[in-house]
């Protein structure tokens, strides 16, 4: 099964794959077996017509799609092995010729590993945000701690107030007829949360547990249900129960309940400040690292196929679709509601994807250039660190994530090298508190919720990582 390989511009491989007629015939027969139950040929019961009769009746082309599905994967893998190639993208296929008598000829185009010619990577001057912790931030963290140990108590001897959570039954009627979605029992509602249309929650404030009353209200003119938009309705409401949140006073007793190391409010504020400063410093380092690598990428020559970017964007879109489906929503509906198109979203994502891929492959090139060594002790220290982050023991971590996984050691070593590499880049660079031009710094940064697997994710946007953990091409 001959094939021809040619590398063209921007690291794109072209494979011309030929499948002889005798081999392609078996794929056509498999396609026939898969679909024969659907074929209705005069003189035969449905699904009983022989292969040649079906081909004569419908034409051979009715089997081509499924035959290619059977034939191509093995032919493609064999061609890759023949030329010792590793694709870095999904293949783009062009059908050159196809028939049962002459066989199958297809052209597969795919990305090779990007080529990076590193520029200067020492002495980089890059922006690192200042780390400052305000008293308001400390107050907010203390408020969080208060809320965690707060208690829900019943409202019994006063009128209802904003912030109370009420349990209600309600029925909404328009022209004395209950409307869809306007009735519920034992519904928990926080007053002041603006969950309901204007006036509903305010109408409950001041009432008491056990009260039954009507609220005459109007839906907003822009309400999504056209039959209710701007219409006057009446809600019959029963307040069945109510609770309020009791938060503890901020005193030394409270501190001893929520902190393992502090005994007084003053000590607790100092503890929180230290935690916030560490978190801020870690975040500043991530920003600093990204800015360093951005400049190194700008200093370097990177040749990359558009196929890599297209696949990266498609993975992100599929991830977003899955997230919508988790909540029972349709991505298509979101696009329509927001006035976007799928192709428009793709085009918006392209620059950010390319930017992040540039940074990822720049780091890969630096990793290869420096060839940092990793010791067994460093790998073990990484395991301890990851186990602590997962809040499990080292033994549990090894059993859950490492045992029985062939590439686990390689991935750990890669992670250790990545951290050592970034440590070196920070050491070799000069931090400045002069913030770069906003447009230049963020034009090509992914949305914060992107999700692209790559081992260098800590120099990308906080929630992004890219997957191209491939071996080097053999050329």
Protein backbone atom coordinates (compact mmCIF):
# COMPACT_ATOMS: atom_id res chain seq x y z
CA UNK A 1 0.00 0.00 0.00
CA UNK A 2 2.15 2.88 -1.26
CA UNK A 3 2.04 6.41 0.10
CA UNK A 4 3.90 9.62 -0.62
CA UNK A 5 4.86 12.27 1.92
CA UNK A 6 5.60 15.93 1.30
CA UNK A 7 6.07 18.77 3.78
CA UNK A 8 4.80 22.15 2.64
CA UNK A 9 4.60 25.63 4.12
CA UNK A 10 3.80 26.30 7.78
CA UNK A 11 4.66 22.80 8.96
CA UNK A 12 1.85 21.06 7.07
CA UNK A 13 2.35 17.44 6.01
CA UNK A 14 0.71 16.07 2.85
CA UNK A 15 0.25 12.30 2.68
CA UNK A 16 -1.03 10.73 -0.52
CA UNK A 17 -2.45 7.34 0.48
CA UNK A 18 -3.36 4.64 -2.03
CA UNK A 19 -5.41 1.57 -1.19
CA UNK A 20 -5.33 -1.10 -3.92
CA UNK A 21 -8.62 -2.38 -5.34
CA UNK A 22 -8.40 -5.78 -3.65
CA UNK A 23 -7.97 -4.17 -0.23
CA UNK A 24 -10.63 -1.51 -0.78
CA UNK A 25 -13.07 -4.18 -1.95
CA UNK A 26 -13.08 -5.68 1.56
CA UNK A 27 -14.06 -2.27 2.99
CA UNK A 28 -16.89 -2.01 0.45
CA UNK A 29 -18.12 -5.43 1.54
CA UNK A 30 -18.00 -4.38 5.21
CA UNK A 31 -20.00 -1.29 4.31
CA UNK A 32 -22.52 -3.54 2.54
CA UNK A 33 -22.82 -5.79 5.61
CA UNK A 34 -23.41 -2.79 7.85
CA UNK A 35 -26.18 -1.37 5.69
CA UNK A 36 -27.74 -4.33 3.88
CA UNK A 37 -30.80 -4.42 6.16
CA UNK A 38 -31.82 -1.06 4.68
CA UNK A 39 -31.60 -2.07 1.00
CA UNK A 40 -34.86 -2.82 -0.80
CA UNK A 41 -34.32 -4.37 -4.23
CA UNK A 42 -37.19 -5.68 -6.38
CA UNK A 43 -37.32 -9.48 -6.31
CA UNK A 44 -35.64 -9.72 -2.89
CA UNK A 45 -36.88 -9.39 0.64
CA UNK A 46 -35.61 -6.25 2.34
CA UNK A 47 -32.05 -6.78 3.50
CA UNK A 48 -31.58 -10.02 1.54
CA UNK A 49 -30.21 -8.72 -1.79
CA UNK A 50 -26.60 -9.89 -2.46
CA UNK A 51 -23.73 -7.40 -2.63
CA UNK A 52 -23.46 -7.24 -6.41
CA UNK A 53 -27.22 -6.88 -6.86
CA UNK A 54 -27.25 -3.95 -4.42
CA UNK A 55 -24.35 -2.29 -6.23
CA UNK A 56 -26.01 -2.77 -9.60
CA UNK A 57 -29.32 -1.38 -8.30
CA UNK A 58 -28.15 1.57 -6.21
CA UNK A 59 -24.69 2.23 -7.59
CA UNK A 60 -21.43 1.57 -5.77
CA UNK A 61 -21.35 5.12 -4.41
CA UNK A 62 -23.99 4.29 -1.82
CA UNK A 63 -21.30 2.36 0.06
CA UNK A 64 -18.41 4.82 -0.26
CA UNK A 65 -18.85 6.82 2.95
CA UNK A 66 -18.90 3.75 5.19
CA UNK A 67 -16.18 2.04 3.15
CA UNK A 68 -13.86 5.02 3.66
CA UNK A 69 -14.68 4.93 7.38
CA UNK A 70 -13.48 1.30 7.43
CA UNK A 71 -10.49 1.73 5.12
CA UNK A 72 -8.91 5.03 6.08
CA UNK A 73 -7.83 4.61 9.78
CA UNK A 74 -5.55 1.61 9.17
CA UNK A 75 -4.23 3.04 5.90
CA UNK A 76 -3.47 6.34 7.61
CA UNK A 77 -1.67 4.71 10.54
CA UNK A 78 0.40 2.57 8.18
CA UNK A 79 1.39 5.64 6.15
CA UNK A 80 2.44 7.49 9.31
CA UNK A 81 4.61 4.54 10.34
CA UNK A 82 6.05 4.25 6.83
CA UNK A 83 7.31 7.86 6.97
CA UNK A 84 7.91 7.94 10.73
CA UNK A 85 5.55 10.89 11.26
CA UNK A 86 3.57 12.10 14.25
CA UNK A 87 0.57 14.32 13.50
CA UNK A 88 -0.11 17.30 15.75
CA UNK A 89 -3.64 17.86 14.44
CA UNK A 90 -6.58 15.92 13.13
CA UNK A 91 -6.14 15.05 9.45
CA UNK A 92 -7.94 17.03 6.75
CA UNK A 93 -9.01 14.63 4.02
CA UNK A 94 -9.38 15.12 0.28
CA UNK A 95 -10.80 12.32 -1.87
CA UNK A 96 -8.66 11.97 -4.99
CA UNK A 97 -10.30 8.91 -6.58
CA UNK A 98 -12.46 6.00 -5.52
CA UNK A 99 -13.90 2.88 -7.13
CA UNK A 100 -14.13 -0.81 -6.52
CA UNK A 101 -12.07 -1.57 -9.62
CA UNK A 102 -9.26 0.98 -9.12
CA UNK A 103 -9.17 1.28 -5.33
CA UNK A 104 -9.02 4.35 -3.09
CA UNK A 105 -6.68 7.34 -3.29
CA UNK A 106 -6.90 10.00 -0.58
CA UNK A 107 -4.83 12.99 0.46
CA UNK A 108 -4.42 13.63 4.19
CA UNK A 109 -3.11 16.98 5.40
CA UNK A 110 -2.12 17.52 9.03
CA UNK A 111 0.09 19.68 11.23
CA UNK A 112 3.60 18.71 12.17
CA UNK A 113 5.14 19.94 15.40
CA UNK A 114 5.61 23.73 15.25
CA UNK A 115 9.12 24.89 14.58
CA UNK A 116 10.50 27.39 17.08
CA UNK A 117 13.75 29.28 16.56
CA UNK A 118 14.34 30.76 19.99
CA UNK A 119 15.31 34.39 20.36
CA UNK A 120 16.77 36.05 23.44
CA UNK A 121 15.40 34.51 26.64
CA UNK A 122 17.69 36.01 29.28
CA UNK A 123 17.54 39.54 30.61
CA UNK A 124 13.84 39.93 29.81
CA UNK A 125 12.11 42.90 31.47
CA UNK A 126 8.50 42.02 32.25
CA UNK A 127 5.60 43.38 34.26
CA UNK A 128 4.83 41.87 37.66
CA UNK A 129 1.78 43.31 39.46
CA UNK A 130 2.28 44.87 42.86
CA UNK A 131 0.95 42.79 45.73
CA UNK A 132 -1.10 44.92 48.09
CA UNK A 133 -3.65 43.76 50.64
CA UNK A 134 -6.26 46.23 51.83
CA UNK A 135 -8.13 46.26 55.12
CA UNK A 136 -11.34 45.79 53.10
CA UNK A 137 -10.01 42.52 51.69
CA UNK A 138 -9.24 41.29 55.20
CA UNK A 139 -12.73 42.32 56.32
CA UNK A 140 -14.23 40.37 53.41
CA UNK A 141 -12.33 37.20 54.38
CA UNK A 142 -13.51 37.56 57.97
CA UNK A 143 -17.05 38.00 56.67
CA UNK A 144 -16.66 34.73 54.76
CA UNK A 145 -15.55 32.99 57.95
CA UNK A 146 -18.55 34.44 59.79
CA UNK A 147 -20.93 33.15 57.15
CA UNK A 148 -19.41 29.67 57.29
CA UNK A 149 -20.23 29.30 60.98
CA UNK A 150 -23.49 31.28 60.83
CA UNK A 151 -26.70 29.62 62.02
CA UNK A 152 -30.16 29.64 60.49
CA UNK A 153 -32.76 30.45 63.14
CA UNK A 154 -36.55 30.66 62.81
CA UNK A 155 -38.28 34.03 62.59
CA UNK A 156 -40.96 33.93 65.27
CA UNK A 157 -41.58 37.25 66.99
CA UNK A 158 -41.18 39.93 64.32
CA UNK A 159 -42.22 40.95 60.82
CA UNK A 160 -40.28 39.66 57.83
CA UNK A 161 -37.26 41.64 56.64
CA UNK A 162 -34.95 41.65 53.64
CA UNK A 163 -32.36 38.93 54.10
CA UNK A 164 -34.84 36.50 55.64
CA UNK A 165 -35.48 33.24 53.82
CA UNK A 166 -39.18 32.42 53.59
CA UNK A 167 -40.92 29.18 52.66
CA UNK A 168 -44.02 30.03 50.63
CA UNK A 169 -46.82 28.63 48.53
CA UNK A 170 -47.94 30.88 45.70
CA UNK A 171 -50.25 30.86 42.71
CA UNK A 172 -50.20 33.48 39.97
CA UNK A 173 -53.32 34.25 37.94
CA UNK A 174 -53.95 36.41 34.92
CA UNK A 175 -57.61 37.29 34.37
CA UNK A 176 -58.46 34.77 37.14
CA UNK A 177 -56.72 31.93 35.27
CA UNK A 178 -53.51 30.36 36.61
CA UNK A 179 -50.66 30.83 34.17
CA UNK A 180 -47.86 28.39 33.37
CA UNK A 181 -44.87 28.58 35.71
CA UNK A 182 -46.71 30.77 38.20
CA UNK A 183 -47.48 28.18 40.89
CA UNK A 184 -45.26 26.48 43.49
CA UNK A 185 -45.44 24.94 46.95
CA UNK A 186 -42.81 25.01 49.72
CA UNK A 187 -40.65 27.39 47.69
CA UNK A 188 -37.66 28.84 49.56
CA UNK A 189 -37.02 32.49 48.71
CA UNK A 190 -34.47 34.94 50.12
CA UNK A 191 -36.14 38.30 50.41
CA UNK A 192 -34.13 40.93 48.58
CA UNK A 193 -32.51 38.46 46.18
CA UNK A 194 -34.55 39.82 43.24
CA UNK A 195 -35.44 36.30 42.21
CA UNK A 196 -39.01 37.25 41.35
CA UNK A 197 -40.50 40.08 39.31
CA UNK A 198 -40.37 43.58 40.85
CA UNK A 199 -42.71 44.02 43.79
CA UNK A 200 -43.08 40.36 44.72
CA UNK A 201 -40.40 40.19 47.41
CA UNK A 202 -41.08 43.73 48.62
CA UNK A 203 -44.71 42.68 49.03
CA UNK A 204 -43.70 39.93 51.47
CA UNK A 205 -41.43 42.20 53.54
CA UNK A 206 -43.40 43.37 56.59
CA UNK A 207 -45.69 40.34 56.65
CA UNK A 208 -45.58 37.61 59.29
CA UNK A 209 -45.26 33.84 59.23
CA UNK A 210 -48.74 32.39 58.69
CA UNK A 211 -50.04 35.34 56.67
CA UNK A 212 -52.06 34.73 53.52
CA UNK A 213 -52.43 37.60 51.05
CA UNK A 214 -52.67 38.66 47.40
CA UNK A 215 -50.11 40.71 45.49
CA UNK A 216 -51.25 42.60 42.41
CA UNK A 217 -48.23 43.11 40.18
CA UNK A 218 -47.25 43.69 36.56
CA UNK A 219 -44.65 41.76 34.59
CA UNK A 220 -41.87 43.88 33.02
CA UNK A 221 -42.50 45.00 29.46
CA UNK A 222 -39.39 43.15 28.29
CA UNK A 223 -40.31 39.86 30.03
CA UNK A 224 -39.28 36.82 27.97
CA UNK A 225 -42.76 35.22 27.94
CA UNK A 226 -44.67 37.32 25.44
CA UNK A 227 -48.11 36.39 26.86
CA UNK A 228 -47.08 37.85 30.24
CA UNK A 229 -44.89 40.81 29.22
CA UNK A 230 -46.40 44.01 30.64
CA UNK A 231 -49.49 42.15 31.91
CA UNK A 232 -51.13 42.64 35.32
CA UNK A 233 -51.38 39.47 37.44
CA UNK A 234 -52.38 38.51 40.96
CA UNK A 235 -50.25 36.24 43.14
CA UNK A 236 -51.93 34.49 46.09
CA UNK A 237 -49.20 33.92 48.68
CA UNK A 238 -49.00 31.88 51.89
CA UNK A 239 -46.01 32.39 54.20
CA UNK A 240 -45.46 28.99 55.82
CA UNK A 241 -42.09 29.53 57.56
CA UNK A 242 -39.11 31.87 57.71
CA UNK A 243 -35.53 31.83 58.93
CA UNK A 244 -32.82 34.42 59.38
CA UNK A 245 -29.04 34.13 59.45
CA UNK A 246 -27.34 34.72 62.78
CA UNK A 247 -23.64 35.49 62.33
CA UNK A 248 -21.27 35.43 65.32
CA UNK A 249 -19.68 38.55 66.74
CA UNK A 250 -16.07 39.18 65.71
CA UNK A 251 -14.28 38.58 68.99
CA UNK A 252 -11.58 36.34 70.41
CA UNK A 253 -14.04 33.47 70.94
CA UNK A 254 -15.02 33.62 67.27
CA UNK A 255 -11.34 33.60 66.27
CA UNK A 256 -10.66 30.47 68.31
CA UNK A 257 -13.56 28.75 66.54
CA UNK A 258 -12.38 29.52 63.01
CA UNK A 259 -8.57 29.60 63.26
CA UNK A 260 -6.09 26.91 64.22
CA UNK A 261 -3.21 29.33 64.86
CA UNK A 262 -4.69 32.61 66.12
CA UNK A 263 -6.23 33.41 69.52
CA UNK A 264 -7.11 37.07 69.14
CA UNK A 265 -8.76 39.23 66.50
CA UNK A 266 -5.50 41.08 65.93
CA UNK A 267 -3.61 37.83 65.37
CA UNK A 268 -6.37 36.59 63.07
CA UNK A 269 -6.21 39.71 60.91
CA UNK A 270 -2.43 39.27 60.62
CA UNK A 271 -2.93 35.60 59.68
CA UNK A 272 -5.40 36.54 56.94
CA UNK A 273 -3.11 39.29 55.65
CA UNK A 274 -0.28 36.78 55.36
CA UNK A 275 -2.51 34.32 53.47
CA UNK A 276 -3.73 37.02 51.09
CA UNK A 277 -0.21 38.28 50.47
CA UNK A 278 0.97 34.75 49.63
CA UNK A 279 -1.98 34.18 47.29
CA UNK A 280 -1.36 37.58 45.71
CA UNK A 281 2.34 36.84 45.27
CA UNK A 282 1.55 33.49 43.64
CA UNK A 283 -0.88 35.17 41.25
CA UNK A 284 1.62 37.94 40.51
CA UNK A 285 4.23 35.30 39.69
CA UNK A 286 1.83 33.63 37.23
CA UNK A 287 1.25 36.98 35.51
CA UNK A 288 5.00 37.68 35.54
CA UNK A 289 5.80 34.27 34.06
CA UNK A 290 3.28 34.71 31.29
CA UNK A 291 4.62 38.16 30.45
CA UNK A 292 8.17 36.79 30.34
CA UNK A 293 7.20 33.96 28.00
CA UNK A 294 5.16 36.34 25.84
CA UNK A 295 8.27 38.43 25.27
CA UNK A 296 10.41 35.38 24.56
CA UNK A 297 7.79 34.24 22.02
CA UNK A 298 7.85 37.70 20.46
CA UNK A 299 11.65 37.43 20.22
CA UNK A 300 11.41 34.00 18.55
CA UNK A 301 10.43 32.74 15.11
CA UNK A 302 7.50 30.32 15.34
CA UNK A 303 6.19 28.42 12.34
CA UNK A 304 2.86 26.76 13.10
CA UNK A 305 0.07 25.25 11.04
CA UNK A 306 -3.39 26.81 11.22
CA UNK A 307 -4.70 23.29 11.72
CA UNK A 308 -3.39 23.34 15.30
CA UNK A 309 -5.30 26.53 16.04
CA UNK A 310 -8.47 25.27 14.37
CA UNK A 311 -8.40 22.04 16.40
CA UNK A 312 -7.70 23.94 19.61
CA UNK A 313 -10.69 26.21 19.02
CA UNK A 314 -12.91 23.24 18.18
CA UNK A 315 -11.95 21.50 21.44
CA UNK A 316 -12.87 24.65 23.35
CA UNK A 317 -16.23 24.91 21.60
CA UNK A 318 -16.98 21.26 22.33
CA UNK A 319 -16.06 21.88 25.97
CA UNK A 320 -18.46 24.80 26.12
CA UNK A 321 -21.21 22.73 24.52
CA UNK A 322 -20.71 20.04 27.17
CA UNK A 323 -20.88 22.64 29.94
CA UNK A 324 -24.20 23.93 28.61
CA UNK A 325 -25.54 20.38 28.31
CA UNK A 326 -24.65 19.72 31.96
CA UNK A 327 -27.23 22.36 32.88
CA UNK A 328 -29.80 21.13 30.38
CA UNK A 329 -29.14 24.03 27.99
CA UNK A 330 -28.40 24.15 24.29
CA UNK A 331 -25.35 26.00 23.00
CA UNK A 332 -27.25 26.91 19.84
CA UNK A 333 -29.86 28.71 21.96
CA UNK A 334 -27.14 30.66 23.76
CA UNK A 335 -25.65 31.76 20.44
CA UNK A 336 -29.03 32.84 19.13
CA UNK A 337 -29.89 34.70 22.34
CA UNK A 338 -26.55 36.54 22.34
CA UNK A 339 -26.74 37.35 18.63
CA UNK A 340 -23.69 35.26 17.73
CA UNK A 341 -22.99 32.56 15.18
CA UNK A 342 -20.83 29.48 15.59
CA UNK A 343 -18.47 30.66 12.88
CA UNK A 344 -18.27 34.07 14.51
CA UNK A 345 -17.33 32.49 17.84
CA UNK A 346 -14.63 30.46 16.09
CA UNK A 347 -13.14 33.58 14.53
CA UNK A 348 -13.16 35.37 17.89
CA UNK A 349 -11.28 32.50 19.52
CA UNK A 350 -8.62 32.10 16.84
CA UNK A 351 -6.21 34.87 17.92
CA UNK A 352 -6.29 33.85 21.58
CA UNK A 353 -5.76 30.21 20.73
CA UNK A 354 -2.78 31.01 18.51
CA UNK A 355 -1.28 33.19 21.23
CA UNK A 356 -1.55 30.46 23.85
CA UNK A 357 -0.16 27.84 21.48
CA UNK A 358 2.76 30.16 20.66
CA UNK A 359 3.55 30.40 24.37
CA UNK A 360 3.18 26.67 24.93
CA UNK A 361 5.52 25.71 22.11
CA UNK A 362 7.97 28.43 23.12
CA UNK A 363 8.16 26.75 26.51
CA UNK A 364 8.60 23.36 24.85
CA UNK A 365 11.51 24.77 22.84
CA UNK A 366 13.07 26.21 25.99
CA UNK A 367 12.61 22.86 27.70
CA UNK A 368 14.50 21.15 24.88
CA UNK A 369 17.16 23.89 24.72
CA UNK A 370 18.00 23.79 28.43
CA UNK A 371 17.51 20.02 28.94
CA UNK A 372 17.13 20.43 32.68
CA UNK A 373 17.81 17.31 34.72
CA UNK A 374 15.27 15.94 37.17
CA UNK A 375 16.27 13.90 40.20
CA UNK A 376 14.28 11.18 41.96
CA UNK A 377 14.14 13.42 45.02
CA UNK A 378 12.53 16.22 43.00
CA UNK A 379 9.92 13.85 41.58
CA UNK A 380 9.11 12.57 45.06
CA UNK A 381 8.83 16.14 46.33
CA UNK A 382 6.41 16.88 43.50
CA UNK A 383 4.29 13.87 44.50
CA UNK A 384 4.18 15.14 48.09
CA UNK A 385 3.14 18.59 46.86
CA UNK A 386 0.40 17.23 44.59
CA UNK A 387 -0.88 14.96 47.37
CA UNK A 388 -1.12 17.94 49.72
CA UNK A 389 -3.00 19.93 47.07
CA UNK A 390 -5.41 16.99 46.65
CA UNK A 391 -5.72 16.72 50.45
CA UNK A 392 -4.87 13.02 50.45
CA UNK A 393 -1.89 11.02 51.64
CA UNK A 394 1.11 10.35 49.42
CA UNK A 395 0.21 6.65 49.37
CA UNK A 396 -3.34 7.42 48.28
CA UNK A 397 -2.09 9.78 45.59
CA UNK A 398 0.30 7.19 44.16
CA UNK A 399 -2.40 4.53 44.17
CA UNK A 400 -5.00 6.79 42.57
CA UNK A 401 -2.93 8.66 39.99
CA UNK A 402 0.34 6.83 39.39
CA UNK A 403 0.04 3.07 39.75
CA UNK A 404 -0.65 1.26 36.50
CA UNK A 405 -0.21 4.41 34.38
CA UNK A 406 2.70 3.99 31.97
CA UNK A 407 3.37 7.69 31.37
CA UNK A 408 2.93 8.85 34.97
CA UNK A 409 6.68 9.12 35.64
CA UNK A 410 7.26 11.05 32.40
CA UNK A 411 4.46 13.48 33.23
CA UNK A 412 5.79 14.08 36.73
CA UNK A 413 9.29 14.72 35.39
CA UNK A 414 7.84 17.09 32.81
CA UNK A 415 6.00 18.98 35.54
CA UNK A 416 9.16 19.24 37.64
CA UNK A 417 11.13 20.50 34.62
CA UNK A 418 8.40 23.03 33.87
CA UNK A 419 8.59 24.48 37.38
CA UNK A 420 12.39 24.55 37.29
CA UNK A 421 12.27 26.24 33.90
CA UNK A 422 9.91 28.95 35.13
CA UNK A 423 12.04 29.45 38.24
CA UNK A 424 15.03 30.05 35.98
CA UNK A 425 13.12 32.44 33.73
CA UNK A 426 12.10 34.53 36.74
CA UNK A 427 15.69 34.46 37.99
CA UNK A 428 17.04 35.59 34.60
CA UNK A 429 14.43 38.32 34.13
CA UNK A 430 13.86 41.76 35.60
CA UNK A 431 10.47 42.51 37.12
CA UNK A 432 8.97 45.93 36.55
CA UNK A 433 5.84 47.47 38.04
CA UNK A 434 5.14 49.40 34.83
CA UNK A 435 2.01 47.83 33.42
CA UNK A 436 2.21 47.16 29.67
CA UNK A 437 -0.18 48.66 27.16
CA UNK A 438 -3.55 46.98 27.79
CA UNK A 439 -4.36 46.32 24.15
CA UNK A 440 -1.00 44.75 23.46
CA UNK A 441 -1.04 42.64 26.57
CA UNK A 442 -4.52 41.20 26.28
CA UNK A 443 -5.62 41.25 22.64
CA UNK A 444 -4.84 37.58 22.23
CA UNK A 445 -5.66 36.15 25.63
CA UNK A 446 -8.28 33.41 25.86
CA UNK A 447 -11.51 33.82 27.76
CA UNK A 448 -10.91 32.87 31.38
CA UNK A 449 -12.99 29.70 31.06
CA UNK A 450 -11.11 28.13 28.18
CA UNK A 451 -9.84 24.64 28.64
CA UNK A 452 -6.93 23.42 26.53
CA UNK A 453 -4.73 20.73 27.95
CA UNK A 454 -1.03 21.45 28.16
CA UNK A 455 1.55 20.81 30.82
CA UNK A 456 2.64 24.48 30.88
CA UNK A 457 -0.80 25.77 31.82
CA UNK A 458 0.57 27.87 34.67
CA UNK A 459 1.94 30.47 32.25
CA UNK A 460 -1.34 30.73 30.40
CA UNK A 461 -4.61 32.25 31.42
CA UNK A 462 -5.56 31.02 34.83
CA UNK A 463 -7.99 28.36 33.60
CA UNK A 464 -6.46 27.46 30.24
CA UNK A 465 -4.25 24.62 29.24
CA UNK A 466 -3.25 23.07 25.91
CA UNK A 467 -2.82 19.47 24.92
CA UNK A 468 0.01 18.72 22.56
CA UNK A 469 2.18 16.43 24.60
CA UNK A 470 3.55 14.69 21.48
CA UNK A 471 6.93 13.27 20.75
CA UNK A 472 9.33 14.92 18.35
CA UNK A 473 8.71 14.41 14.64
CA UNK A 474 11.15 12.26 12.75
CA UNK A 475 11.95 14.05 9.49
